Protein backbone atom coordinates (compact mmCIF):
# COMPACT_ATOMS: atom_id res chain seq x y z
CA UNK A 1 5.48 -5.06 12.60
CA UNK A 2 6.56 -1.55 13.52
CA UNK A 3 9.43 -0.16 11.50
CA UNK A 4 12.33 1.28 13.46
CA UNK A 5 14.08 2.64 10.38
CA UNK A 6 15.69 6.05 11.07
CA UNK A 7 14.85 7.39 7.60
CA UNK A 8 11.16 6.61 8.18
CA UNK A 9 11.31 8.32 11.58
CA UNK A 10 12.74 11.41 9.85
CA UNK A 11 10.06 11.43 7.15
CA UNK A 12 7.21 10.82 9.59
CA UNK A 13 8.40 13.85 11.57
CA UNK A 14 8.04 15.91 8.39
CA UNK A 15 4.47 14.65 8.05
CA UNK A 16 3.67 15.50 11.67
CA UNK A 17 4.87 19.08 11.41
CA UNK A 18 2.18 21.76 11.06
CA UNK A 19 4.62 23.67 8.85
CA UNK A 20 4.47 20.97 6.15
CA UNK A 21 2.24 22.05 3.25
CA UNK A 22 -0.09 19.69 1.41
CA UNK A 23 2.16 19.12 -1.61
CA UNK A 24 5.07 18.06 0.57
CA UNK A 25 2.75 16.03 2.79
CA UNK A 26 1.49 14.03 -0.20
CA UNK A 27 5.01 13.46 -1.52
CA UNK A 28 6.35 12.26 1.83
CA UNK A 29 3.29 10.06 2.41
CA UNK A 30 4.06 8.37 -0.88
CA UNK A 31 7.71 7.85 0.10
CA UNK A 32 6.78 6.45 3.53
CA UNK A 33 4.16 4.17 2.01
CA UNK A 34 6.68 2.75 -0.45
CA UNK A 35 9.08 1.79 2.34
CA UNK A 36 6.31 0.30 4.50
CA UNK A 37 4.92 -1.58 1.51
CA UNK A 38 8.36 -3.00 0.74
CA UNK A 39 8.38 -4.55 4.22
CA UNK A 40 4.74 -5.65 4.06
CA UNK A 41 5.05 -7.39 0.69
CA UNK A 42 7.97 -9.52 1.92
CA UNK A 43 5.35 -12.06 3.00
CA UNK A 44 4.21 -12.67 -0.58
CA UNK A 45 5.35 -15.86 -2.30
CA UNK A 46 6.52 -16.64 -5.84
CA UNK A 47 6.25 -19.45 -8.35
CA UNK A 48 8.91 -20.45 -10.92
CA UNK A 49 8.50 -19.43 -14.55
CA UNK A 50 10.62 -19.93 -17.68
CA UNK A 51 11.88 -16.83 -19.50
CA UNK A 52 14.30 -15.97 -22.30
CA UNK A 53 17.26 -13.70 -21.55
CA UNK A 54 19.28 -11.76 -24.18
CA UNK A 55 22.97 -12.65 -24.30
CA UNK A 56 25.41 -10.11 -25.82
CA UNK A 57 27.79 -11.61 -28.41
CA UNK A 58 30.09 -8.61 -28.67
CA UNK A 59 33.59 -9.04 -27.16
CA UNK A 60 34.20 -11.26 -24.15
CA UNK A 61 32.06 -11.27 -21.02
CA UNK A 62 28.88 -13.28 -20.86
CA UNK A 63 28.67 -13.50 -24.65
CA UNK A 64 32.04 -15.23 -24.98
CA UNK A 65 32.47 -18.87 -25.97
CA UNK A 66 33.45 -19.84 -22.42
CA UNK A 67 30.25 -18.30 -21.04
CA UNK A 68 28.16 -20.01 -23.73
CA UNK A 69 29.64 -23.37 -22.84
CA UNK A 70 29.03 -22.74 -19.15
CA UNK A 71 25.31 -22.14 -19.58
CA UNK A 72 24.69 -24.67 -22.35
CA UNK A 73 24.29 -27.54 -19.89
CA UNK A 74 21.39 -25.92 -18.05
CA UNK A 75 19.72 -23.83 -20.75
CA UNK A 76 18.99 -23.69 -24.46
CA UNK A 77 20.75 -21.15 -26.66
CA UNK A 78 19.03 -19.53 -29.63
CA UNK A 79 20.13 -17.12 -32.32
CA UNK A 80 17.87 -14.25 -33.30
CA UNK A 81 18.16 -11.12 -35.41
CA UNK A 82 17.65 -7.65 -34.00
CA UNK A 83 15.71 -5.81 -36.70
CA UNK A 84 16.79 -2.39 -35.38
CA UNK A 85 20.51 -2.86 -36.13
CA UNK A 86 20.45 -6.14 -38.14
CA UNK A 87 22.99 -7.72 -35.79
CA UNK A 88 22.65 -11.31 -34.69
CA UNK A 89 22.14 -11.74 -30.95
CA UNK A 90 21.72 -14.79 -28.75
CA UNK A 91 19.12 -15.57 -26.14
CA UNK A 92 19.08 -18.22 -23.48
CA UNK A 93 16.05 -19.97 -22.05
CA UNK A 94 16.18 -19.77 -18.27
CA UNK A 95 13.69 -21.89 -16.28
CA UNK A 96 14.37 -20.31 -12.88
CA UNK A 97 12.50 -17.00 -13.09
CA UNK A 98 10.13 -15.97 -10.29
CA UNK A 99 6.61 -14.55 -10.47
CA UNK A 100 4.34 -13.43 -7.65
CA UNK A 101 1.88 -16.20 -6.89
CA UNK A 102 -0.91 -14.35 -5.08
CA UNK A 103 -3.64 -12.21 -6.61
CA UNK A 104 -3.26 -8.92 -4.73
CA UNK A 105 -5.81 -6.18 -4.08
CA UNK A 106 -5.35 -2.72 -2.57
CA UNK A 107 -8.13 -1.44 -0.32
CA UNK A 108 -7.69 2.30 0.27
CA UNK A 109 -10.05 3.63 2.92
CA UNK A 110 -11.51 6.85 1.53
CA UNK A 111 -10.39 9.39 1.41
CA UNK A 112 -7.06 9.49 3.21
CA UNK A 113 -5.98 6.07 1.91
CA UNK A 114 -5.93 7.38 -1.67
CA UNK A 115 -2.52 8.97 -1.12
CA UNK A 116 -0.97 5.55 -0.49
CA UNK A 117 -2.15 3.82 -3.66
CA UNK A 118 0.45 5.03 -6.17
CA UNK A 119 3.38 3.94 -4.00
CA UNK A 120 1.83 0.49 -3.60
CA UNK A 121 1.36 0.20 -7.37
CA UNK A 122 5.06 0.78 -7.90
CA UNK A 123 5.65 -2.52 -6.10
CA UNK A 124 2.58 -4.48 -7.24
CA UNK A 125 1.48 -2.77 -10.50
CA UNK A 126 -1.01 -5.49 -11.39
CA UNK A 127 -2.91 -5.27 -8.12
CA UNK A 128 -6.65 -4.65 -8.22
CA UNK A 129 -7.91 -1.53 -6.42
CA UNK A 130 -11.19 -1.65 -4.50
CA UNK A 131 -12.32 1.46 -2.62
CA UNK A 132 -14.21 1.46 0.66
CA UNK A 133 -15.48 4.74 2.15
CA UNK A 134 -15.95 5.11 5.91
CA UNK A 135 -16.57 8.09 8.17
CA UNK A 136 -17.17 8.75 11.85
CA UNK A 137 -19.11 11.49 13.59
CA UNK A 138 -17.20 13.40 16.24
CA UNK A 139 -17.86 11.83 19.63
CA UNK A 140 -19.25 8.64 18.08
CA UNK A 141 -16.64 5.95 17.50
CA UNK A 142 -18.94 3.72 15.43
CA UNK A 143 -17.90 4.08 11.76
CA UNK A 144 -20.42 4.42 8.96
CA UNK A 145 -19.84 2.89 5.53
CA UNK A 146 -20.87 5.16 2.66
CA UNK A 147 -19.06 3.59 -0.30
CA UNK A 148 -18.07 0.07 -1.27
CA UNK A 149 -16.67 -1.03 -4.65
CA UNK A 150 -15.87 -4.65 -3.85
CA UNK A 151 -16.88 -6.97 -6.72
CA UNK A 152 -19.60 -9.50 -6.07
CA UNK A 153 -17.13 -12.40 -6.27
CA UNK A 154 -13.86 -12.46 -4.35
CA UNK A 155 -10.85 -13.52 -6.43
CA UNK A 156 -8.26 -11.97 -4.11
CA UNK A 157 -5.64 -13.92 -2.16
CA UNK A 158 -4.09 -10.99 -0.25
CA UNK A 159 -5.69 -7.62 0.50
CA UNK A 160 -3.68 -4.60 1.66
CA UNK A 161 -5.80 -2.14 3.65
CA UNK A 162 -4.40 1.38 3.32
CA UNK A 163 -5.05 3.99 6.01
CA UNK A 164 -2.42 6.59 7.02
CA UNK A 165 -3.52 6.82 10.67
CA UNK A 166 -5.21 4.23 12.89
CA UNK A 167 -6.71 5.82 15.99
CA UNK A 168 -9.41 3.86 17.84
CA UNK A 169 -9.20 1.11 15.15
CA UNK A 170 -12.97 1.07 14.64
CA UNK A 171 -12.75 2.02 10.96
CA UNK A 172 -10.02 -0.47 10.11
CA UNK A 173 -11.72 -3.29 12.00
CA UNK A 174 -14.98 -2.60 10.17
CA UNK A 175 -13.10 -2.90 6.85
CA UNK A 176 -11.39 -6.09 8.04
CA UNK A 177 -14.80 -7.58 8.86
CA UNK A 178 -16.11 -6.57 5.43
CA UNK A 179 -13.13 -8.21 3.69
CA UNK A 180 -13.39 -11.40 5.72
CA UNK A 181 -17.08 -11.66 4.93
CA UNK A 182 -16.22 -11.08 1.25
CA UNK A 183 -13.83 -14.06 1.43
CA UNK A 184 -10.26 -12.69 1.54
CA UNK A 185 -7.87 -15.30 2.94
CA UNK A 186 -5.08 -12.95 4.01
CA UNK A 187 -5.37 -9.31 5.12
CA UNK A 188 -2.50 -6.91 5.71
CA UNK A 189 -2.99 -3.40 7.13
CA UNK A 190 -0.46 -0.69 6.22
CA UNK A 191 -0.46 2.56 8.20
CA UNK A 192 1.98 5.39 8.87
CA UNK A 193 1.00 5.87 12.52
CA UNK A 194 -1.06 3.60 14.75
CA UNK A 195 -2.22 4.22 18.30
CA UNK A 196 -1.15 1.78 21.00
CA UNK A 197 -4.81 1.20 21.88
CA UNK A 198 -5.84 0.68 18.27
CA UNK A 199 -3.03 -1.76 17.61
CA UNK A 200 -3.98 -3.87 20.61
CA UNK A 201 -7.65 -3.91 19.65
CA UNK A 202 -6.86 -5.12 16.13
CA UNK A 203 -4.42 -7.81 17.23
CA UNK A 204 -6.81 -9.03 19.95
CA UNK A 205 -9.82 -9.20 17.64
CA UNK A 206 -7.97 -10.34 14.52
CA UNK A 207 -4.72 -12.16 15.41
CA UNK A 208 -4.50 -13.48 11.85
CA UNK A 209 -4.26 -9.97 10.34
CA UNK A 210 -0.80 -8.57 9.60
CA UNK A 211 -0.02 -4.94 10.45
CA UNK A 212 2.89 -2.84 9.18
CA UNK A 213 3.25 0.68 10.57
CA UNK A 214 5.88 3.37 10.77
CA UNK A 215 5.31 4.48 14.35
CA UNK A 216 3.17 3.94 17.46
CA UNK A 217 1.65 6.88 19.36
CA UNK A 218 0.88 6.20 23.00
CA UNK A 219 -1.68 8.91 23.80
CA UNK A 220 -5.26 9.57 22.75
CA UNK A 221 -7.67 12.28 23.88
CA UNK A 222 -11.27 11.85 25.02
CA UNK A 223 -12.55 12.22 21.44
CA UNK A 224 -10.44 9.28 20.27
CA UNK A 225 -7.88 11.48 18.49
CA UNK A 226 -4.34 10.13 18.49
CA UNK A 227 -1.62 12.31 20.02
CA UNK A 228 0.60 13.73 18.72
CA UNK A 229 -0.55 12.13 15.46
CA UNK A 230 -0.26 14.18 12.30
CA UNK A 231 -3.62 15.88 12.05
CA UNK A 232 -6.37 14.78 9.69
CA UNK A 233 -4.51 12.99 6.86
CA UNK A 234 -7.31 13.63 4.38
CA UNK A 235 -7.44 17.38 5.01
CA UNK A 236 -3.66 17.61 4.97
CA UNK A 237 -3.33 15.75 1.68
CA UNK A 238 -5.99 17.69 -0.17
CA UNK A 239 -5.61 21.06 1.57
CA UNK A 240 -9.23 21.16 2.71
CA UNK A 241 -10.86 22.55 5.84
CA UNK A 242 -12.71 20.22 8.21
CA UNK A 243 -16.43 19.91 7.51
CA UNK A 244 -19.02 19.69 10.26
CA UNK A 245 -19.55 15.96 10.75
CA UNK A 246 -23.32 16.39 10.70
CA UNK A 247 -23.05 17.94 7.24
CA UNK A 248 -20.40 15.70 5.72
CA UNK A 249 -22.76 13.84 3.40
CA UNK A 250 -24.99 16.78 2.54
CA UNK A 251 -24.93 18.32 -0.91
CA UNK A 252 -22.71 21.45 -0.82
CA UNK A 253 -25.72 23.67 -1.55
CA UNK A 254 -27.37 22.52 1.70
CA UNK A 255 -24.38 22.99 4.00
CA UNK A 256 -24.17 25.89 6.43
CA UNK A 257 -22.45 28.85 4.82
CA UNK A 258 -20.34 31.44 6.57
CA UNK A 259 -18.99 34.80 5.46
CA UNK A 260 -15.51 34.10 6.89
């Protein structure tokens, strides 16, 4: 599912621009993620629950005698006292509330996926968060896992994989394989921009996986970098300079230093 919303297209253009500073980039990433997540979570289901609803007694409206009679047939009315103002109020028991049925987990791919978590939590605040760290060496498309915080036992019904940009799809597909092996029944990938090649590879290899993205980029260079893309989403979020891939996991004291 690729969003064609004009507001998203506007905001993604802001993210692409080299003039956009890290603070703005993070803020817009959060906004874009929220809109994509709203679309992605439409596939979740609910179960009915009973709740109590306060009914105002003051004046007419829903607290009037006519309204009370109208709801009495399908619900139970109670009287209660509000201790703050010592005024009697009514509540009604309503058996038709809705609650999300699935146990949801967010899987941000470190480190760029971190900037998408807060927006997701606004929609599903009770979701579990399990981090998976992956990196790739320049010129080598095989991703390497360096961090995994999945619990030993899988209790998740739906997992949302968060990665701002999908290029060759190798990283995302590795995470999908990890989650399937862990036992997740339903996987949904959310990304701001996905390459045409990467999208096809995911859908061919994993037709059961849902994908929600803001835009598709057609081109990719010989190093597997999406064009035009939006740069390195991790560096742009955290205002960091690229590190030599051969040194990425070295302790800072052992990395090559320059006087620049």
